[in-house]
Amino acid sequence: MSNDVYIVGIDMIRFGRFDGAKPETLAAQAALMALDDCGKSIGDIQAIYAGTCNGTMMGQRMLHYI
């Protein structure tokens, strides 16, 4: 069993104000852009580990949009 971790794609949304946008939709957009950067799709992912922010389950809500 290997414990190697590889980062194969990165991206981010621009800094700024996004009136009316939910944080989880912005996070989902950035995650999908990172997948696109490495030529992968959500179907290529075997596991996703998502954290939380102030008890809001942000990671889980972001994954709902993906």
Protein backbone atom coordinates (compact mmCIF):
# COMPACT_ATOMS: atom_id res chain seq x y z
CA MET A 1 0.00 0.00 0.00
CA SER A 2 1.32 3.40 -0.94
CA ASN A 3 0.78 6.65 0.94
CA ASP A 4 1.86 8.84 -1.96
CA VAL A 5 -0.29 11.86 -2.75
CA TYR A 6 -0.17 13.73 -6.04
CA ILE A 7 -1.65 17.07 -6.95
CA VAL A 8 -2.35 16.91 -10.67
CA GLY A 9 -4.60 19.92 -11.22
CA ILE A 10 -5.11 23.34 -9.71
CA ASP A 11 -7.26 26.38 -10.37
CA MET A 12 -9.10 29.10 -8.53
CA ILE A 13 -11.82 31.63 -9.09
CA ARG A 14 -10.84 35.27 -9.25
CA PHE A 15 -10.77 37.33 -6.10
CA GLY A 16 -13.68 39.68 -5.73
CA ARG A 17 -17.19 40.17 -4.53
CA PHE A 18 -19.78 37.71 -5.77
CA ASP A 19 -23.10 39.19 -4.67
CA GLY A 20 -25.74 36.51 -4.35
CA ALA A 21 -23.34 33.61 -4.91
CA LYS A 22 -23.29 30.86 -2.32
CA PRO A 23 -19.84 29.90 -1.02
CA GLU A 24 -20.45 26.25 -1.86
CA THR A 25 -21.17 27.06 -5.51
CA LEU A 26 -17.95 29.08 -5.73
CA ALA A 27 -16.02 26.21 -4.15
CA ALA A 28 -17.63 23.71 -6.55
CA GLN A 29 -16.68 25.90 -9.50
CA ALA A 30 -13.03 26.01 -8.37
CA ALA A 31 -12.97 22.25 -7.79
CA LEU A 32 -14.39 21.53 -11.25
CA MET A 33 -11.86 23.89 -12.83
CA ALA A 34 -9.04 22.02 -11.05
CA LEU A 35 -10.39 18.72 -12.40
CA ASP A 36 -10.52 20.24 -15.88
CA ASP A 37 -6.92 21.44 -15.47
CA CYS A 38 -5.72 17.86 -15.09
CA GLY A 39 -8.04 16.41 -17.71
CA LYS A 40 -10.16 14.50 -15.20
CA SER A 41 -13.84 14.47 -14.32
CA ILE A 42 -15.73 13.77 -11.12
CA GLY A 43 -16.15 10.18 -12.35
CA ASP A 44 -12.37 9.68 -12.12
CA ILE A 45 -12.34 10.44 -8.39
CA GLN A 46 -12.33 7.48 -6.00
CA ALA A 47 -12.72 9.40 -2.74
CA ILE A 48 -13.24 12.97 -1.65
CA TYR A 49 -12.34 14.25 1.78
CA ALA A 50 -14.11 17.48 2.65
CA GLY A 51 -13.78 19.59 5.74
CA THR A 52 -16.17 21.95 7.36
CA CYS A 53 -16.16 25.64 8.17
CA ASN A 54 -17.72 26.78 11.45
CA GLY A 55 -19.98 23.75 11.55
CA THR A 56 -21.63 24.57 8.22
CA MET A 57 -20.61 21.37 6.41
CA MET A 58 -19.24 23.50 3.57
CA GLY A 59 -17.33 20.60 1.98
CA GLN A 60 -20.39 18.40 1.84
CA ARG A 61 -22.56 21.19 0.43
CA MET A 62 -19.90 21.94 -2.20
CA LEU A 63 -19.87 18.29 -3.26
CA HIS A 64 -23.63 18.41 -3.74
CA TYR A 65 -23.10 20.91 -6.58
CA ILE A 66 -20.39 18.84 -8.20
